[in-house]
Amino acid sequence: FLCSADTTYRLFGAVTLGNIASDMKLQDKIMGAGALEPLVTVANAADLETQRCIAYALCNLAADEDRRPAIVHEGGLPPLISLACSDDVSDMKAATATLRGLASAPEARRDIVVAGALDAFSLAAQCEEDIEVN
């Protein structure tokens, strides 16, 4: 569903992967099945709601520190940074949480800065609404 031309199916695919990725026991299967590449590819071209769901899926996958560099190197930063710069506080929160998790991997920090994530963090810091990230 994630790679469907139908936006509704893509959204459902993103929601499903995000929910499945919330179970750490299933994350190896998700990664092993090659889901990261379509997540990133679709995030670069998807509607805002699908991007948000993909950010949650990536955030869940980034819970395992060993996966964080793969998310960065597979191209996960541009869609996350774009979403983190959104005017919508929920979108900003989802993407900022994911970027924060990715930045906890020291080997990924340079790539994250070069990709422009500091601008996203700066925007989040200036947000007048409470966007506390857990």
N, C-alpha and C. Protein backbone atom coordinates (compact mmCIF):
# COMPACT_ATOMS: atom_id res chain seq x y z
N PHE A 1 0.80 -1.20 0.00
CA PHE A 1 0.00 0.00 0.00
C PHE A 1 0.85 1.27 0.00
N LEU A 2 1.99 1.21 0.63
CA LEU A 2 2.80 2.41 0.78
C LEU A 2 3.24 2.97 -0.57
N CYS A 3 3.48 2.12 -1.54
CA CYS A 3 3.95 2.58 -2.85
C CYS A 3 2.82 2.75 -3.86
N SER A 4 1.59 2.71 -3.41
CA SER A 4 0.43 2.86 -4.28
C SER A 4 0.36 4.27 -4.86
N ALA A 5 -0.23 4.38 -6.04
CA ALA A 5 -0.48 5.69 -6.63
C ALA A 5 -1.64 6.39 -5.92
N ASP A 6 -2.45 5.64 -5.22
CA ASP A 6 -3.60 6.18 -4.50
C ASP A 6 -3.14 6.76 -3.16
N THR A 7 -3.43 8.03 -2.93
CA THR A 7 -2.96 8.68 -1.70
C THR A 7 -3.56 8.07 -0.44
N THR A 8 -4.78 7.60 -0.52
CA THR A 8 -5.40 6.97 0.64
C THR A 8 -4.67 5.69 1.02
N TYR A 9 -4.32 4.89 0.02
CA TYR A 9 -3.59 3.65 0.29
C TYR A 9 -2.20 3.95 0.86
N ARG A 10 -1.55 5.00 0.31
CA ARG A 10 -0.22 5.36 0.86
C ARG A 10 -0.35 5.76 2.32
N LEU A 11 -1.38 6.53 2.64
CA LEU A 11 -1.59 6.94 4.03
C LEU A 11 -1.80 5.71 4.91
N PHE A 12 -2.65 4.79 4.49
CA PHE A 12 -2.89 3.59 5.28
C PHE A 12 -1.62 2.75 5.43
N GLY A 13 -0.81 2.70 4.37
CA GLY A 13 0.46 1.98 4.46
C GLY A 13 1.39 2.61 5.48
N ALA A 14 1.46 3.94 5.47
CA ALA A 14 2.31 4.65 6.42
C ALA A 14 1.82 4.47 7.86
N VAL A 15 0.50 4.55 8.05
CA VAL A 15 -0.07 4.35 9.39
C VAL A 15 0.23 2.93 9.87
N THR A 16 0.04 1.98 8.99
CA THR A 16 0.28 0.57 9.36
C THR A 16 1.73 0.34 9.75
N LEU A 17 2.65 0.83 8.93
CA LEU A 17 4.07 0.66 9.26
C LEU A 17 4.44 1.37 10.55
N GLY A 18 3.88 2.54 10.77
CA GLY A 18 4.15 3.25 12.02
C GLY A 18 3.66 2.48 13.22
N ASN A 19 2.48 1.90 13.11
CA ASN A 19 1.94 1.10 14.21
C ASN A 19 2.73 -0.17 14.43
N ILE A 20 3.08 -0.85 13.37
CA ILE A 20 3.86 -2.08 13.50
C ILE A 20 5.24 -1.76 14.07
N ALA A 21 5.83 -0.64 13.63
CA ALA A 21 7.17 -0.27 14.10
C ALA A 21 7.18 0.13 15.57
N SER A 22 6.01 0.35 16.15
CA SER A 22 5.98 0.67 17.58
C SER A 22 6.31 -0.55 18.44
N ASP A 23 6.27 -1.73 17.84
CA ASP A 23 6.65 -2.97 18.53
C ASP A 23 8.10 -3.28 18.17
N MET A 24 9.00 -3.07 19.11
CA MET A 24 10.43 -3.25 18.83
C MET A 24 10.76 -4.67 18.36
N LYS A 25 9.95 -5.63 18.75
CA LYS A 25 10.20 -7.01 18.32
C LYS A 25 9.96 -7.20 16.82
N LEU A 26 9.19 -6.32 16.21
CA LEU A 26 8.88 -6.44 14.79
C LEU A 26 9.76 -5.55 13.90
N GLN A 27 10.56 -4.71 14.52
CA GLN A 27 11.34 -3.76 13.73
C GLN A 27 12.39 -4.42 12.84
N ASP A 28 13.01 -5.49 13.31
CA ASP A 28 13.98 -6.19 12.46
C ASP A 28 13.32 -6.74 11.20
N LYS A 29 12.10 -7.22 11.35
CA LYS A 29 11.37 -7.74 10.18
C LYS A 29 11.04 -6.60 9.21
N ILE A 30 10.67 -5.46 9.74
CA ILE A 30 10.37 -4.31 8.89
C ILE A 30 11.60 -3.90 8.10
N MET A 31 12.71 -3.76 8.80
CA MET A 31 13.96 -3.37 8.14
C MET A 31 14.43 -4.45 7.18
N GLY A 32 14.33 -5.70 7.59
CA GLY A 32 14.75 -6.81 6.75
C GLY A 32 13.93 -6.93 5.48
N ALA A 33 12.68 -6.51 5.54
CA ALA A 33 11.81 -6.57 4.37
C ALA A 33 12.05 -5.40 3.43
N GLY A 34 12.94 -4.49 3.82
CA GLY A 34 13.27 -3.36 2.94
C GLY A 34 12.28 -2.21 2.99
N ALA A 35 11.59 -2.03 4.10
CA ALA A 35 10.57 -0.98 4.20
C ALA A 35 11.16 0.43 4.31
N LEU A 36 12.41 0.54 4.71
CA LEU A 36 12.98 1.87 4.90
C LEU A 36 13.04 2.67 3.60
N GLU A 37 13.47 2.04 2.53
CA GLU A 37 13.59 2.77 1.25
C GLU A 37 12.25 3.33 0.77
N PRO A 38 11.17 2.52 0.74
CA PRO A 38 9.90 3.12 0.33
C PRO A 38 9.37 4.17 1.31
N LEU A 39 9.63 4.00 2.60
CA LEU A 39 9.21 5.03 3.56
C LEU A 39 9.83 6.37 3.20
N VAL A 40 11.12 6.36 2.94
CA VAL A 40 11.84 7.60 2.63
C VAL A 40 11.40 8.14 1.27
N THR A 41 11.27 7.26 0.28
CA THR A 41 10.87 7.69 -1.06
C THR A 41 9.49 8.32 -1.04
N VAL A 42 8.55 7.69 -0.39
CA VAL A 42 7.18 8.21 -0.34
C VAL A 42 7.14 9.50 0.47
N ALA A 43 7.93 9.58 1.53
CA ALA A 43 7.93 10.79 2.36
C ALA A 43 8.34 12.02 1.56
N ASN A 44 9.18 11.82 0.56
CA ASN A 44 9.65 12.94 -0.25
C ASN A 44 8.59 13.44 -1.23
N ALA A 45 7.54 12.65 -1.46
CA ALA A 45 6.54 13.03 -2.45
C ALA A 45 5.12 12.97 -1.93
N ALA A 46 4.96 12.65 -0.67
CA ALA A 46 3.62 12.40 -0.13
C ALA A 46 2.93 13.66 0.36
N ASP A 47 1.65 13.52 0.58
CA ASP A 47 0.88 14.59 1.18
C ASP A 47 1.30 14.74 2.65
N LEU A 48 0.88 15.82 3.26
CA LEU A 48 1.32 16.16 4.61
C LEU A 48 0.93 15.11 5.64
N GLU A 49 -0.27 14.58 5.58
CA GLU A 49 -0.71 13.58 6.55
C GLU A 49 0.13 12.30 6.44
N THR A 50 0.44 11.89 5.21
CA THR A 50 1.27 10.71 5.03
C THR A 50 2.69 10.97 5.51
N GLN A 51 3.21 12.18 5.26
CA GLN A 51 4.53 12.53 5.77
C GLN A 51 4.57 12.43 7.29
N ARG A 52 3.52 12.90 7.93
CA ARG A 52 3.45 12.84 9.39
C ARG A 52 3.50 11.39 9.87
N CYS A 53 2.74 10.53 9.23
CA CYS A 53 2.72 9.12 9.63
C CYS A 53 4.06 8.45 9.38
N ILE A 54 4.71 8.83 8.30
CA ILE A 54 6.05 8.29 8.02
C ILE A 54 7.04 8.78 9.06
N ALA A 55 6.92 10.03 9.48
CA ALA A 55 7.81 10.53 10.53
C ALA A 55 7.64 9.72 11.80
N TYR A 56 6.40 9.36 12.15
CA TYR A 56 6.18 8.52 13.33
C TYR A 56 6.80 7.14 13.14
N ALA A 57 6.65 6.58 11.94
CA ALA A 57 7.25 5.27 11.66
C ALA A 57 8.77 5.34 11.80
N LEU A 58 9.38 6.38 11.23
CA LEU A 58 10.83 6.54 11.34
C LEU A 58 11.25 6.78 12.79
N CYS A 59 10.45 7.53 13.52
CA CYS A 59 10.74 7.75 14.93
C CYS A 59 10.73 6.43 15.69
N ASN A 60 9.74 5.60 15.42
CA ASN A 60 9.68 4.29 16.08
C ASN A 60 10.88 3.43 15.70
N LEU A 61 11.24 3.43 14.42
CA LEU A 61 12.40 2.64 13.98
C LEU A 61 13.69 3.17 14.59
N ALA A 62 13.76 4.47 14.82
CA ALA A 62 14.96 5.08 15.39
C ALA A 62 15.09 4.80 16.88
N ALA A 63 14.11 4.13 17.48
CA ALA A 63 14.21 3.79 18.90
C ALA A 63 15.39 2.85 19.15
N ASP A 64 15.75 2.07 18.14
CA ASP A 64 16.92 1.20 18.25
C ASP A 64 18.12 1.97 17.71
N GLU A 65 19.07 2.23 18.57
CA GLU A 65 20.21 3.07 18.17
C GLU A 65 21.00 2.50 17.00
N ASP A 66 20.95 1.21 16.79
CA ASP A 66 21.67 0.62 15.67
C ASP A 66 21.05 0.95 14.32
N ARG A 67 19.79 1.34 14.31
CA ARG A 67 19.09 1.67 13.06
C ARG A 67 19.24 3.13 12.67
N ARG A 68 19.61 3.96 13.58
CA ARG A 68 19.64 5.40 13.32
C ARG A 68 20.53 5.79 12.14
N PRO A 69 21.75 5.25 12.06
CA PRO A 69 22.57 5.62 10.90
C PRO A 69 21.95 5.20 9.57
N ALA A 70 21.27 4.07 9.52
CA ALA A 70 20.64 3.63 8.28
C ALA A 70 19.56 4.61 7.84
N ILE A 71 18.79 5.11 8.79
CA ILE A 71 17.73 6.07 8.46
C ILE A 71 18.35 7.34 7.88
N VAL A 72 19.44 7.78 8.47
CA VAL A 72 20.12 8.98 7.98
C VAL A 72 20.70 8.72 6.59
N HIS A 73 21.40 7.60 6.42
CA HIS A 73 22.08 7.33 5.16
C HIS A 73 21.15 6.92 4.03
N GLU A 74 19.97 6.46 4.34
CA GLU A 74 18.99 6.09 3.30
C GLU A 74 18.20 7.29 2.79
N GLY A 75 18.48 8.48 3.32
CA GLY A 75 17.82 9.67 2.83
C GLY A 75 16.63 10.11 3.66
N GLY A 76 16.58 9.69 4.91
CA GLY A 76 15.45 10.03 5.76
C GLY A 76 15.44 11.46 6.27
N LEU A 77 16.54 12.18 6.13
CA LEU A 77 16.62 13.53 6.68
C LEU A 77 15.79 14.58 5.94
N PRO A 78 15.87 14.69 4.62
CA PRO A 78 15.12 15.76 3.94
C PRO A 78 13.62 15.78 4.23
N PRO A 79 12.93 14.64 4.16
CA PRO A 79 11.50 14.73 4.46
C PRO A 79 11.21 15.07 5.92
N LEU A 80 12.08 14.63 6.82
CA LEU A 80 11.88 14.94 8.23
C LEU A 80 12.14 16.42 8.52
N ILE A 81 13.17 16.96 7.90
CA ILE A 81 13.48 18.38 8.09
C ILE A 81 12.37 19.24 7.51
N SER A 82 11.89 18.86 6.35
CA SER A 82 10.78 19.59 5.73
C SER A 82 9.55 19.59 6.64
N LEU A 83 9.23 18.45 7.19
CA LEU A 83 8.08 18.35 8.07
C LEU A 83 8.31 19.11 9.38
N ALA A 84 9.55 19.12 9.86
CA ALA A 84 9.87 19.84 11.10
C ALA A 84 9.76 21.35 10.92
N CYS A 85 9.78 21.81 9.70
CA CYS A 85 9.64 23.25 9.42
C CYS A 85 8.19 23.63 9.12
N SER A 86 7.29 22.71 9.33
CA SER A 86 5.88 22.95 9.06
C SER A 86 5.29 23.98 10.02
N ASP A 87 4.25 24.64 9.57
CA ASP A 87 3.52 25.57 10.44
C ASP A 87 2.63 24.82 11.42
N ASP A 88 2.36 23.56 11.13
CA ASP A 88 1.50 22.75 11.99
C ASP A 88 2.33 22.20 13.15
N VAL A 89 1.92 22.50 14.37
CA VAL A 89 2.68 22.11 15.56
C VAL A 89 2.79 20.59 15.69
N SER A 90 1.75 19.87 15.34
CA SER A 90 1.80 18.40 15.42
C SER A 90 2.85 17.84 14.46
N ASP A 91 2.90 18.40 13.25
CA ASP A 91 3.91 17.96 12.29
C ASP A 91 5.30 18.28 12.79
N MET A 92 5.47 19.50 13.29
CA MET A 92 6.76 19.91 13.83
C MET A 92 7.19 18.98 14.96
N LYS A 93 6.26 18.65 15.81
CA LYS A 93 6.56 17.78 16.96
C LYS A 93 7.00 16.39 16.51
N ALA A 94 6.26 15.80 15.58
CA ALA A 94 6.59 14.45 15.10
C ALA A 94 7.98 14.42 14.47
N ALA A 95 8.23 15.38 13.60
CA ALA A 95 9.52 15.39 12.90
C ALA A 95 10.67 15.76 13.82
N THR A 96 10.45 16.71 14.72
CA THR A 96 11.51 17.11 15.65
C THR A 96 11.88 15.95 16.57
N ALA A 97 10.89 15.20 17.01
CA ALA A 97 11.16 14.04 17.87
C ALA A 97 12.01 13.02 17.12
N THR A 98 11.70 12.81 15.87
CA THR A 98 12.47 11.86 15.07
C THR A 98 13.90 12.35 14.87
N LEU A 99 14.05 13.62 14.51
CA LEU A 99 15.40 14.17 14.31
C LEU A 99 16.21 14.12 15.60
N ARG A 100 15.55 14.39 16.70
CA ARG A 100 16.24 14.33 18.00
C ARG A 100 16.75 12.92 18.26
N GLY A 101 15.92 11.93 17.97
CA GLY A 101 16.33 10.54 18.15
C GLY A 101 17.49 10.18 17.25
N LEU A 102 17.45 10.62 16.01
CA LEU A 102 18.54 10.33 15.07
C LEU A 102 19.83 11.00 15.51
N ALA A 103 19.73 12.19 16.07
CA ALA A 103 20.90 12.95 16.51
C ALA A 103 21.57 12.34 17.73
N SER A 104 20.92 11.39 18.37
CA SER A 104 21.56 10.75 19.52
C SER A 104 22.66 9.79 19.08
N ALA A 105 22.74 9.50 17.79
CA ALA A 105 23.82 8.68 17.25
C ALA A 105 24.96 9.62 16.84
N PRO A 106 26.06 9.61 17.57
CA PRO A 106 27.14 10.57 17.28
C PRO A 106 27.62 10.55 15.83
N GLU A 107 27.66 9.39 15.20
CA GLU A 107 28.15 9.30 13.82
C GLU A 107 27.18 9.92 12.81
N ALA A 108 25.97 10.21 13.23
CA ALA A 108 24.97 10.79 12.32
C ALA A 108 24.87 12.31 12.47
N ARG A 109 25.46 12.87 13.49
CA ARG A 109 25.24 14.28 13.80
C ARG A 109 25.72 15.23 12.71
N ARG A 110 26.87 14.96 12.13
CA ARG A 110 27.38 15.84 11.07
C ARG A 110 26.42 15.86 9.89
N ASP A 111 25.97 14.67 9.46
CA ASP A 111 25.03 14.60 8.35
C ASP A 111 23.73 15.35 8.67
N ILE A 112 23.29 15.26 9.90
CA ILE A 112 22.06 15.92 10.31
C ILE A 112 22.23 17.44 10.25
N VAL A 113 23.36 17.94 10.70
CA VAL A 113 23.62 19.38 10.65
C VAL A 113 23.76 19.84 9.20
N VAL A 114 24.53 19.11 8.40
CA VAL A 114 24.74 19.49 7.00
C VAL A 114 23.41 19.50 6.23
N ALA A 115 22.51 18.59 6.56
CA ALA A 115 21.21 18.51 5.88
C ALA A 115 20.29 19.68 6.24
N GLY A 116 20.62 20.43 7.28
CA GLY A 116 19.84 21.60 7.63
C GLY A 116 18.92 21.44 8.83
N ALA A 117 19.13 20.44 9.63
CA ALA A 117 18.24 20.20 10.77
C ALA A 117 18.33 21.28 11.83
N LEU A 118 19.44 22.00 11.90
CA LEU A 118 19.53 23.06 12.91
C LEU A 118 18.47 24.14 12.68
N ASP A 119 18.16 24.39 11.41
CA ASP A 119 17.09 25.36 11.11
C ASP A 119 15.76 24.85 11.67
N ALA A 120 15.51 23.55 11.51
CA ALA A 120 14.27 22.97 12.02
C ALA A 120 14.23 23.05 13.54
N PHE A 121 15.34 22.74 14.19
CA PHE A 121 15.39 22.83 15.65
C PHE A 121 15.19 24.27 16.12
N SER A 122 15.76 25.21 15.39
CA SER A 122 15.61 26.62 15.72
C SER A 122 14.15 27.06 15.61
N LEU A 123 13.49 26.63 14.55
CA LEU A 123 12.06 26.96 14.40
C LEU A 123 11.24 26.37 15.53
N ALA A 124 11.55 25.13 15.89
CA ALA A 124 10.81 24.49 16.99
C ALA A 124 11.03 25.24 18.30
N ALA A 125 12.26 25.71 18.51
CA ALA A 125 12.58 26.43 19.75
C ALA A 125 11.85 27.77 19.82
N GLN A 126 11.54 28.34 18.65
CA GLN A 126 10.86 29.64 18.60
C GLN A 126 9.35 29.52 18.62
N CYS A 127 8.84 28.31 18.52
CA CYS A 127 7.40 28.10 18.48
C CYS A 127 6.78 28.55 19.79
N GLU A 128 5.74 29.35 19.68
CA GLU A 128 5.09 29.87 20.87
C GLU A 128 4.17 28.86 21.53
N GLU A 129 3.78 27.84 20.78
CA GLU A 129 2.93 26.80 21.35
C GLU A 129 3.80 25.76 22.03
N ASP A 130 3.25 25.11 23.02
CA ASP A 130 3.97 24.07 23.75
C ASP A 130 4.09 22.85 22.86
N ILE A 131 5.32 22.51 22.46
CA ILE A 131 5.53 21.33 21.65
C ILE A 131 6.48 20.37 22.35
N GLU A 132 6.28 20.20 23.62
CA GLU A 132 7.13 19.32 24.40
C GLU A 132 7.25 17.97 23.69
N VAL A 133 8.48 17.52 23.52
CA VAL A 133 8.76 16.26 22.86
C VAL A 133 9.17 15.25 23.91
N ASN A 134 8.48 14.14 23.95
CA ASN A 134 8.78 13.10 24.94
C ASN A 134 9.92 12.24 24.51
